[in-house]
Structure formats: structure tokens, C-alpha cells
Amino acid sequence: MPTFVESKLLFEASTNNTWTWGKTTEYSTQYAAKFRVKAGPRKSVRVSSVVNQGMLDVPFTMYMSSKSTGVKVQTTGTWRGVSSWDPRHTVKVLD
């Protein structure tokens, strides 16, 4: 008689960024998946998950001005970070 098994996968993608003024900000994304699998006695189930991840380098120019002094400042730099997307899952009952 087939048995129903419920399984969960949890994986995380995270990154941190360091800005030129010394502050570090961390971001984290969690992906969760739940599977209901039908497998017979003495059968194994293989679940595989993949998520795309890419490094980002985004150049920027920032303009600031002081209302009190009228001083204007231009700052350029590169924001660096990580992006993750498109989680995919495969469930296979093994013989």
C-alpha cells in the first residue's frame, strides 16, 4: 500500500553590503517548499532544490546639497550585493 510522506525544505540566501561611510547592512531571503510524496514500501524519495543567485555591481552617482549652507556634493561609487530568484524543486521516487 502506498504511503504518503510530507517533507519540507528550507534554504536561505543572504548577503551583506558595506558602504563607504562604514555602515554594514545585511539582507536575508528564505525559501520554503512543502512536498506531498506518494511512495510505496521500501522506496526512497529524492528531493532536490535549486535557486539562482547572482552578484550585482551597480554604479551610482549621488547628489547632496545643504539647505543651510548651499554646499553641493557629488559622490560616486558602486553598490555591491547578491540577488536570488527562481527556486525550482524536483521530487523523484527511487526504485
PDB file of N, CA and C in Angstrom:
ATOM      1  N   MET A   1       0.838  -1.173   0.000  1.00  0.00           N
ATOM      2  CA  MET A   1       0.000   0.000   0.000  1.00  0.00           C
ATOM      3  C   MET A   1       0.888   1.243   0.000  1.00  0.00           C
ATOM      4  N   PRO A   2       0.646   2.210  -0.874  1.00  0.00           N
ATOM      5  CA  PRO A   2       1.463   3.423  -0.920  1.00  0.00           C
ATOM      6  C   PRO A   2       1.338   4.233   0.364  1.00  0.00           C
ATOM      7  N   THR A   3       2.407   4.870   0.717  1.00  0.00           N
ATOM      8  CA  THR A   3       2.442   5.729   1.900  1.00  0.00           C
ATOM      9  C   THR A   3       2.630   7.170   1.460  1.00  0.00           C
ATOM     10  N   PHE A   4       1.900   8.074   2.083  1.00  0.00           N
ATOM     11  CA  PHE A   4       2.081   9.493   1.803  1.00  0.00           C
ATOM     12  C   PHE A   4       3.024  10.073   2.836  1.00  0.00           C
ATOM     13  N   VAL A   5       4.025  10.757   2.349  1.00  0.00           N
ATOM     14  CA  VAL A   5       5.008  11.379   3.226  1.00  0.00           C
ATOM     15  C   VAL A   5       5.026  12.863   2.921  1.00  0.00           C
ATOM     16  N   GLU A   6       5.058  13.685   3.947  1.00  0.00           N
ATOM     17  CA  GLU A   6       5.148  15.120   3.737  1.00  0.00           C
ATOM     18  C   GLU A   6       6.549  15.564   4.131  1.00  0.00           C
ATOM     19  N   SER A   7       7.154  16.347   3.303  1.00  0.00           N
ATOM     20  CA  SER A   7       8.525  16.770   3.529  1.00  0.00           C
ATOM     21  C   SER A   7       8.630  18.275   3.352  1.00  0.00           C
ATOM     22  N   LYS A   8       9.556  18.894   4.069  1.00  0.00           N
ATOM     23  CA  LYS A   8       9.787  20.334   3.944  1.00  0.00           C
ATOM     24  C   LYS A   8      11.262  20.579   3.655  1.00  0.00           C
ATOM     25  N   LEU A   9      11.525  21.572   2.840  1.00  0.00           N
ATOM     26  CA  LEU A   9      12.889  22.030   2.590  1.00  0.00           C
ATOM     27  C   LEU A   9      12.954  23.500   2.949  1.00  0.00           C
ATOM     28  N   LEU A  10      14.027  23.924   3.560  1.00  0.00           N
ATOM     29  CA  LEU A  10      14.229  25.331   3.872  1.00  0.00           C
ATOM     30  C   LEU A  10      15.668  25.669   3.537  1.00  0.00           C
ATOM     31  N   PHE A  11      15.858  26.664   2.688  1.00  0.00           N
ATOM     32  CA  PHE A  11      17.203  27.114   2.405  1.00  0.00           C
ATOM     33  C   PHE A  11      17.205  28.625   2.352  1.00  0.00           C
ATOM     34  N   GLU A  12      18.362  29.210   2.540  1.00  0.00           N
ATOM     35  CA  GLU A  12      18.459  30.647   2.729  1.00  0.00           C
ATOM     36  C   GLU A  12      19.547  31.233   1.848  1.00  0.00           C
ATOM     37  N   ALA A  13      19.277  32.402   1.298  1.00  0.00           N
ATOM     38  CA  ALA A  13      20.275  33.165   0.558  1.00  0.00           C
ATOM     39  C   ALA A  13      20.474  34.472   1.303  1.00  0.00           C
ATOM     40  N   SER A  14      21.704  34.819   1.583  1.00  0.00           N
ATOM     41  CA  SER A  14      21.935  36.060   2.316  1.00  0.00           C
ATOM     42  C   SER A  14      23.158  36.776   1.778  1.00  0.00           C
ATOM     43  N   THR A  15      23.245  38.044   2.090  1.00  0.00           N
ATOM     44  CA  THR A  15      24.375  38.861   1.670  1.00  0.00           C
ATOM     45  C   THR A  15      24.569  39.992   2.664  1.00  0.00           C
ATOM     46  N   ASN A  16      25.672  40.661   2.567  1.00  0.00           N
ATOM     47  CA  ASN A  16      25.838  41.896   3.325  1.00  0.00           C
ATOM     48  C   ASN A  16      26.506  42.921   2.427  1.00  0.00           C
ATOM     49  N   ASN A  17      26.308  44.165   2.743  1.00  0.00           N
ATOM     50  CA  ASN A  17      26.856  45.268   1.958  1.00  0.00           C
ATOM     51  C   ASN A  17      27.623  46.190   2.881  1.00  0.00           C
ATOM     52  N   THR A  18      28.756  46.678   2.437  1.00  0.00           N
ATOM     53  CA  THR A  18      29.498  47.654   3.206  1.00  0.00           C
ATOM     54  C   THR A  18      29.527  48.953   2.416  1.00  0.00           C
ATOM     55  N   TRP A  19      29.040  50.019   3.023  1.00  0.00           N
ATOM     56  CA  TRP A  19      29.013  51.322   2.381  1.00  0.00           C
ATOM     57  C   TRP A  19      30.283  52.086   2.743  1.00  0.00           C
ATOM     58  N   THR A  20      30.629  53.095   1.961  1.00  0.00           N
ATOM     59  CA  THR A  20      31.870  53.825   2.170  1.00  0.00           C
ATOM     60  C   THR A  20      31.916  54.532   3.524  1.00  0.00           C
ATOM     61  N   TRP A  21      30.770  54.834   4.124  1.00  0.00           N
ATOM     62  CA  TRP A  21      30.795  55.527   5.405  1.00  0.00           C
ATOM     63  C   TRP A  21      30.824  54.555   6.581  1.00  0.00           C
ATOM     64  N   GLY A  22      31.030  53.272   6.313  1.00  0.00           N
ATOM     65  CA  GLY A  22      31.301  52.308   7.364  1.00  0.00           C
ATOM     66  C   GLY A  22      30.111  51.547   7.921  1.00  0.00           C
ATOM     67  N   LYS A  23      28.933  51.744   7.419  1.00  0.00           N
ATOM     68  CA  LYS A  23      27.772  51.017   7.913  1.00  0.00           C
ATOM     69  C   LYS A  23      27.573  49.744   7.090  1.00  0.00           C
ATOM     70  N   THR A  24      27.281  48.635   7.751  1.00  0.00           N
ATOM     71  CA  THR A  24      27.012  47.374   7.067  1.00  0.00           C
ATOM     72  C   THR A  24      25.541  47.032   7.228  1.00  0.00           C
ATOM     73  N   THR A  25      24.907  46.652   6.131  1.00  0.00           N
ATOM     74  CA  THR A  25      23.507  46.251   6.155  1.00  0.00           C
ATOM     75  C   THR A  25      23.412  44.835   5.614  1.00  0.00           C
ATOM     76  N   GLU A  26      22.704  43.966   6.303  1.00  0.00           N
ATOM     77  CA  GLU A  26      22.543  42.587   5.847  1.00  0.00           C
ATOM     78  C   GLU A  26      21.090  42.330   5.473  1.00  0.00           C
ATOM     79  N   TYR A  27      20.923  41.554   4.404  1.00  0.00           N
ATOM     80  CA  TYR A  27      19.611  41.154   3.924  1.00  0.00           C
ATOM     81  C   TYR A  27      19.588  39.639   3.850  1.00  0.00           C
ATOM     82  N   SER A  28      18.435  39.062   4.086  1.00  0.00           N
ATOM     83  CA  SER A  28      18.322  37.617   4.023  1.00  0.00           C
ATOM     84  C   SER A  28      16.978  37.249   3.410  1.00  0.00           C
ATOM     85  N   THR A  29      16.982  36.242   2.552  1.00  0.00           N
ATOM     86  CA  THR A  29      15.757  35.737   1.949  1.00  0.00           C
ATOM     87  C   THR A  29      15.667  34.247   2.223  1.00  0.00           C
ATOM     88  N   GLN A  30      14.541  33.801   2.722  1.00  0.00           N
ATOM     89  CA  GLN A  30      14.346  32.374   2.945  1.00  0.00           C
ATOM     90  C   GLN A  30      13.342  31.842   1.934  1.00  0.00           C
ATOM     91  N   TYR A  31      13.641  30.668   1.415  1.00  0.00           N
ATOM     92  CA  TYR A  31      12.723  29.968   0.527  1.00  0.00           C
ATOM     93  C   TYR A  31      12.280  28.697   1.246  1.00  0.00           C
ATOM     94  N   ALA A  32      11.010  28.415   1.205  1.00  0.00           N
ATOM     95  CA  ALA A  32      10.498  27.196   1.834  1.00  0.00           C
ATOM     96  C   ALA A  32       9.633  26.462   0.817  1.00  0.00           C
ATOM     97  N   ALA A  33       9.691  25.157   0.865  1.00  0.00           N
ATOM     98  CA  ALA A  33       8.876  24.340  -0.042  1.00  0.00           C
ATOM     99  C   ALA A  33       8.326  23.156   0.742  1.00  0.00           C
ATOM    100  N   LYS A  34       7.111  22.790   0.441  1.00  0.00           N
ATOM    101  CA  LYS A  34       6.462  21.667   1.092  1.00  0.00           C
ATOM    102  C   LYS A  34       6.031  20.683   0.016  1.00  0.00           C
ATOM    103  N   PHE A  35       6.315  19.394   0.219  1.00  0.00           N
ATOM    104  CA  PHE A  35       6.009  18.385  -0.780  1.00  0.00           C
ATOM    105  C   PHE A  35       5.173  17.273  -0.164  1.00  0.00           C
ATOM    106  N   ARG A  36       4.202  16.814  -0.914  1.00  0.00           N
ATOM    107  CA  ARG A  36       3.439  15.620  -0.538  1.00  0.00           C
ATOM    108  C   ARG A  36       3.817  14.559  -1.567  1.00  0.00           C
ATOM    109  N   VAL A  37       4.437  13.492  -1.077  1.00  0.00           N
ATOM    110  CA  VAL A  37       5.000  12.479  -1.965  1.00  0.00           C
ATOM    111  C   VAL A  37       4.341  11.137  -1.688  1.00  0.00           C
ATOM    112  N   LYS A  38       3.991  10.432  -2.751  1.00  0.00           N
ATOM    113  CA  LYS A  38       3.420   9.093  -2.633  1.00  0.00           C
ATOM    114  C   LYS A  38       4.526   8.091  -2.973  1.00  0.00           C
ATOM    115  N   ALA A  39       4.904   7.276  -1.983  1.00  0.00           N
ATOM    116  CA  ALA A  39       5.957   6.285  -2.196  1.00  0.00           C
ATOM    117  C   ALA A  39       5.537   4.967  -1.565  1.00  0.00           C
ATOM    118  N   GLY A  40       5.825   3.883  -2.258  1.00  0.00           N
ATOM    119  CA  GLY A  40       5.492   2.559  -1.755  1.00  0.00           C
ATOM    120  C   GLY A  40       6.443   2.115  -0.664  1.00  0.00           C
ATOM    121  N   PRO A  41       6.165   0.952  -0.057  1.00  0.00           N
ATOM    122  CA  PRO A  41       7.045   0.408   0.970  1.00  0.00           C
ATOM    123  C   PRO A  41       8.453   0.185   0.408  1.00  0.00           C
ATOM    124  N   ARG A  42       9.447   0.447   1.223  1.00  0.00           N
ATOM    125  CA  ARG A  42      10.871   0.256   0.874  1.00  0.00           C
ATOM    126  C   ARG A  42      11.319   1.096  -0.311  1.00  0.00           C
ATOM    127  N   LYS A  43      10.641   2.189  -0.562  1.00  0.00           N
ATOM    128  CA  LYS A  43      11.040   3.114  -1.626  1.00  0.00           C
ATOM    129  C   LYS A  43      11.678   4.337  -0.987  1.00  0.00           C
ATOM    130  N   SER A  44      12.606   4.926  -1.688  1.00  0.00           N
ATOM    131  CA  SER A  44      13.247   6.171  -1.240  1.00  0.00           C
ATOM    132  C   SER A  44      12.783   7.309  -2.122  1.00  0.00           C
ATOM    133  N   VAL A  45      12.794   8.480  -1.570  1.00  0.00           N
ATOM    134  CA  VAL A  45      12.399   9.668  -2.307  1.00  0.00           C
ATOM    135  C   VAL A  45      13.556  10.661  -2.273  1.00  0.00           C
ATOM    136  N   ARG A  46      13.887  11.197  -3.436  1.00  0.00           N
ATOM    137  CA  ARG A  46      14.951  12.209  -3.528  1.00  0.00           C
ATOM    138  C   ARG A  46      14.301  13.542  -3.903  1.00  0.00           C
ATOM    139  N   VAL A  47      14.537  14.559  -3.072  1.00  0.00           N
ATOM    140  CA  VAL A  47      14.034  15.901  -3.339  1.00  0.00           C
ATOM    141  C   VAL A  47      15.243  16.808  -3.517  1.00  0.00           C
ATOM    142  N   SER A  48      15.237  17.549  -4.603  1.00  0.00           N
ATOM    143  CA  SER A  48      16.359  18.436  -4.918  1.00  0.00           C
ATOM    144  C   SER A  48      15.815  19.843  -5.160  1.00  0.00           C
ATOM    145  N   SER A  49      16.496  20.843  -4.607  1.00  0.00           N
ATOM    146  CA  SER A  49      16.094  22.236  -4.807  1.00  0.00           C
ATOM    147  C   SER A  49      17.271  23.048  -5.307  1.00  0.00           C
ATOM    148  N   VAL A  50      16.968  23.966  -6.223  1.00  0.00           N
ATOM    149  CA  VAL A  50      17.988  24.837  -6.807  1.00  0.00           C
ATOM    150  C   VAL A  50      17.433  26.254  -6.829  1.00  0.00           C
ATOM    151  N   VAL A  51      18.271  27.220  -6.523  1.00  0.00           N
ATOM    152  CA  VAL A  51      17.878  28.628  -6.623  1.00  0.00           C
ATOM    153  C   VAL A  51      18.994  29.375  -7.352  1.00  0.00           C
ATOM    154  N   ASN A  52      18.613  30.264  -8.255  1.00  0.00           N
ATOM    155  CA  ASN A  52      19.620  31.081  -8.956  1.00  0.00           C
ATOM    156  C   ASN A  52      20.111  32.184  -8.031  1.00  0.00           C
ATOM    157  N   GLN A  53      21.388  32.484  -8.131  1.00  0.00           N
ATOM    158  CA  GLN A  53      21.970  33.559  -7.331  1.00  0.00           C
ATOM    159  C   GLN A  53      22.979  34.305  -8.189  1.00  0.00           C
ATOM    160  N   GLY A  54      22.964  35.606  -8.103  1.00  0.00           N
ATOM    161  CA  GLY A  54      23.893  36.410  -8.891  1.00  0.00           C
ATOM    162  C   GLY A  54      24.471  37.554  -8.088  1.00  0.00           C
ATOM    163  N   MET A  55      25.707  37.908  -8.399  1.00  0.00           N
ATOM    164  CA  MET A  55      26.369  39.053  -7.769  1.00  0.00           C
ATOM    165  C   MET A  55      26.031  40.306  -8.571  1.00  0.00           C
ATOM    166  N   LEU A  56      25.730  41.386  -7.878  1.00  0.00           N
ATOM    167  CA  LEU A  56      25.385  42.646  -8.523  1.00  0.00           C
ATOM    168  C   LEU A  56      26.436  43.699  -8.212  1.00  0.00           C
ATOM    169  N   ASP A  57      26.843  44.448  -9.215  1.00  0.00           N
ATOM    170  CA  ASP A  57      27.699  45.630  -9.074  1.00  0.00           C
ATOM    171  C   ASP A  57      26.975  46.764  -9.781  1.00  0.00           C
ATOM    172  N   VAL A  58      26.384  47.689  -9.015  1.00  0.00           N
ATOM    173  CA  VAL A  58      25.565  48.755  -9.580  1.00  0.00           C
ATOM    174  C   VAL A  58      26.256  50.096  -9.337  1.00  0.00           C
ATOM    175  N   PRO A  59      26.778  50.709 -10.407  1.00  0.00           N
ATOM    176  CA  PRO A  59      27.401  52.027 -10.224  1.00  0.00           C
ATOM    177  C   PRO A  59      26.336  53.090  -9.939  1.00  0.00           C
ATOM    178  N   PHE A  60      26.677  54.074  -9.091  1.00  0.00           N
ATOM    179  CA  PHE A  60      25.728  55.137  -8.787  1.00  0.00           C
ATOM    180  C   PHE A  60      26.439  56.475  -8.650  1.00  0.00           C
ATOM    181  N   THR A  61      25.685  57.529  -8.838  1.00  0.00           N
ATOM    182  CA  THR A  61      26.111  58.894  -8.559  1.00  0.00           C
ATOM    183  C   THR A  61      25.044  59.513  -7.667  1.00  0.00           C
ATOM    184  N   MET A  62      25.483  60.086  -6.534  1.00  0.00           N
ATOM    185  CA  MET A  62      24.567  60.662  -5.569  1.00  0.00           C
ATOM    186  C   MET A  62      24.875  62.151  -5.437  1.00  0.00           C
ATOM    187  N   TYR A  63      23.842  62.962  -5.449  1.00  0.00           N
ATOM    188  CA  TYR A  63      23.998  64.404  -5.305  1.00  0.00           C
ATOM    189  C   TYR A  63      23.341  64.834  -3.989  1.00  0.00           C
ATOM    190  N   MET A  64      24.077  65.569  -3.180  1.00  0.00           N
ATOM    191  CA  MET A  64      23.536  66.076  -1.919  1.00  0.00           C
ATOM    192  C   MET A  64      23.773  67.582  -1.859  1.00  0.00           C
ATOM    193  N   SER A  65      22.853  68.294  -1.224  1.00  0.00           N
ATOM    194  CA  SER A  65      23.055  69.729  -1.025  1.00  0.00           C
ATOM    195  C   SER A  65      22.524  70.108   0.344  1.00  0.00           C
ATOM    196  N   SER A  66      23.191  71.059   0.969  1.00  0.00           N
ATOM    197  CA  SER A  66      22.798  71.534   2.283  1.00  0.00           C
ATOM    198  C   SER A  66      21.869  72.726   2.124  1.00  0.00           C
ATOM    199  N   LYS A  67      20.702  72.661   2.755  1.00  0.00           N
ATOM    200  CA  LYS A  67      19.774  73.796   2.704  1.00  0.00           C
ATOM    201  C   LYS A  67      20.320  74.986   3.482  1.00  0.00           C
ATOM    202  N   SER A  68      21.054  74.714   4.549  1.00  0.00           N
ATOM    203  CA  SER A  68      21.543  75.818   5.385  1.00  0.00           C
ATOM    204  C   SER A  68      22.767  76.523   4.802  1.00  0.00           C
ATOM    205  N   THR A  69      23.691  75.778   4.152  1.00  0.00           N
ATOM    206  CA  THR A  69      24.915  76.406   3.637  1.00  0.00           C
ATOM    207  C   THR A  69      24.930  76.527   2.128  1.00  0.00           C
ATOM    208  N   GLY A  70      24.077  75.763   1.447  1.00  0.00           N
ATOM    209  CA  GLY A  70      24.071  75.784  -0.016  1.00  0.00           C
ATOM    210  C   GLY A  70      25.180  74.959  -0.645  1.00  0.00           C
ATOM    211  N   VAL A  71      25.984  74.278   0.159  1.00  0.00           N
ATOM    212  CA  VAL A  71      27.082  73.461  -0.354  1.00  0.00           C
ATOM    213  C   VAL A  71      26.498  72.237  -1.059  1.00  0.00           C
ATOM    214  N   LYS A  72      27.007  71.942  -2.256  1.00  0.00           N
ATOM    215  CA  LYS A  72      26.569  70.782  -3.027  1.00  0.00           C
ATOM    216  C   LYS A  72      27.723  69.791  -3.141  1.00  0.00           C
ATOM    217  N   VAL A  73      27.408  68.515  -2.986  1.00  0.00           N
ATOM    218  CA  VAL A  73      28.423  67.462  -3.027  1.00  0.00           C
ATOM    219  C   VAL A  73      27.950  66.366  -3.977  1.00  0.00           C
ATOM    220  N   GLN A  74      28.873  65.876  -4.797  1.00  0.00           N
ATOM    221  CA  GLN A  74      28.596  64.750  -5.692  1.00  0.00           C
ATOM    222  C   GLN A  74      29.454  63.572  -5.235  1.00  0.00           C
ATOM    223  N   THR A  75      28.831  62.437  -5.051  1.00  0.00           N
ATOM    224  CA  THR A  75      29.544  61.229  -4.649  1.00  0.00           C
ATOM    225  C   THR A  75      29.227  60.122  -5.645  1.00  0.00           C
ATOM    226  N   THR A  76      30.254  59.393  -6.054  1.00  0.00           N
ATOM    227  CA  THR A  76      30.052  58.246  -6.940  1.00  0.00           C
ATOM    228  C   THR A  76      30.571  56.994  -6.247  1.00  0.00           C
ATOM    229  N   GLY A  77      30.053  55.870  -6.648  1.00  0.00           N
ATOM    230  CA  GLY A  77      30.500  54.615  -6.061  1.00  0.00           C
ATOM    231  C   GLY A  77      29.843  53.449  -6.761  1.00  0.00           C
ATOM    232  N   THR A  78      30.000  52.284  -6.175  1.00  0.00           N
ATOM    233  CA  THR A  78      29.400  51.069  -6.698  1.00  0.00           C
ATOM    234  C   THR A  78      28.734  50.333  -5.551  1.00  0.00           C
ATOM    235  N   TRP A  79      27.432  50.084  -5.698  1.00  0.00           N
ATOM    236  CA  TRP A  79      26.705  49.267  -4.729  1.00  0.00           C
ATOM    237  C   TRP A  79      26.920  47.819  -5.127  1.00  0.00           C
ATOM    238  N   ARG A  80      27.308  47.000  -4.161  1.00  0.00           N
ATOM    239  CA  ARG A  80      27.539  45.577  -4.424  1.00  0.00           C
ATOM    240  C   ARG A  80      26.581  44.753  -3.576  1.00  0.00           C
ATOM    241  N   GLY A  81      26.022  43.723  -4.189  1.00  0.00           N
ATOM    242  CA  GLY A  81      25.085  42.875  -3.453  1.00  0.00           C
ATOM    243  C   GLY A  81      24.849  41.563  -4.161  1.00  0.00           C
ATOM    244  N   VAL A  82      23.938  40.784  -3.616  1.00  0.00           N
ATOM    245  CA  VAL A  82      23.593  39.470  -4.155  1.00  0.00           C
ATOM    246  C   VAL A  82      22.084  39.433  -4.351  1.00  0.00           C
ATOM    247  N   SER A  83      21.649  38.827  -5.440  1.00  0.00           N
ATOM    248  CA  SER A  83      20.226  38.635  -5.684  1.00  0.00           C
ATOM    249  C   SER A  83      19.974  37.156  -5.920  1.00  0.00           C
ATOM    250  N   SER A  84      18.854  36.663  -5.419  1.00  0.00           N
ATOM    251  CA  SER A  84      18.489  35.260  -5.667  1.00  0.00           C
ATOM    252  C   SER A  84      17.057  35.219  -6.190  1.00  0.00           C
ATOM    253  N   TRP A  85      16.783  34.224  -7.055  1.00  0.00           N
ATOM    254  CA  TRP A  85      15.475  34.152  -7.695  1.00  0.00           C
ATOM    255  C   TRP A  85      15.225  32.750  -8.238  1.00  0.00           C
ATOM    256  N   ASP A  86      13.998  32.478  -8.598  1.00  0.00           N
ATOM    257  CA  ASP A  86      13.572  31.296  -9.336  1.00  0.00           C
ATOM    258  C   ASP A  86      13.907  29.972  -8.633  1.00  0.00           C
ATOM    259  N   PRO A  87      13.401  29.739  -7.398  1.00  0.00           N
ATOM    260  CA  PRO A  87      13.634  28.425  -6.795  1.00  0.00           C
ATOM    261  C   PRO A  87      12.886  27.337  -7.567  1.00  0.00           C
ATOM    262  N   ARG A  88      13.567  26.221  -7.809  1.00  0.00           N
ATOM    263  CA  ARG A  88      12.984  25.096  -8.543  1.00  0.00           C
ATOM    264  C   ARG A  88      13.203  23.818  -7.728  1.00  0.00           C
ATOM    265  N   HIS A  89      12.226  22.918  -7.778  1.00  0.00           N
ATOM    266  CA  HIS A  89      12.291  21.701  -6.979  1.00  0.00           C
ATOM    267  C   HIS A  89      11.991  20.485  -7.855  1.00  0.00           C
ATOM    268  N   THR A  90      12.667  19.400  -7.553  1.00  0.00           N
ATOM    269  CA  THR A  90      12.448  18.128  -8.247  1.00  0.00           C
ATOM    270  C   THR A  90      12.194  17.062  -7.190  1.00  0.00           C
ATOM    271  N   VAL A  91      11.142  16.287  -7.383  1.00  0.00           N
ATOM    272  CA  VAL A  91      10.819  15.184  -6.466  1.00  0.00           C
ATOM    273  C   VAL A  91      10.824  13.905  -7.295  1.00  0.00           C
ATOM    274  N   LYS A  92      11.584  12.903  -6.829  1.00  0.00           N
ATOM    275  CA  LYS A  92      11.678  11.651  -7.580  1.00  0.00           C
ATOM    276  C   LYS A  92      11.630  10.472  -6.624  1.00  0.00           C
ATOM    277  N   VAL A  93      10.743   9.516  -6.901  1.00  0.00           N
ATOM    278  CA  VAL A  93      10.703   8.276  -6.156  1.00  0.00           C
ATOM    279  C   VAL A  93      11.718   7.336  -6.779  1.00  0.00           C
ATOM    280  N   LEU A  94      12.639   6.842  -5.958  1.00  0.00           N
ATOM    281  CA  LEU A  94      13.706   5.974  -6.463  1.00  0.00           C
ATOM    282  C   LEU A  94      13.269   4.514  -6.396  1.00  0.00           C
ATOM    283  N   ASP A  95      13.730   3.732  -7.352  1.00  0.00           N
ATOM    284  CA  ASP A  95      13.391   2.295  -7.372  1.00  0.00           C
ATOM    285  C   ASP A  95      14.239   1.537  -6.394  1.00  0.00           C
TER     286      ASP A  95
END
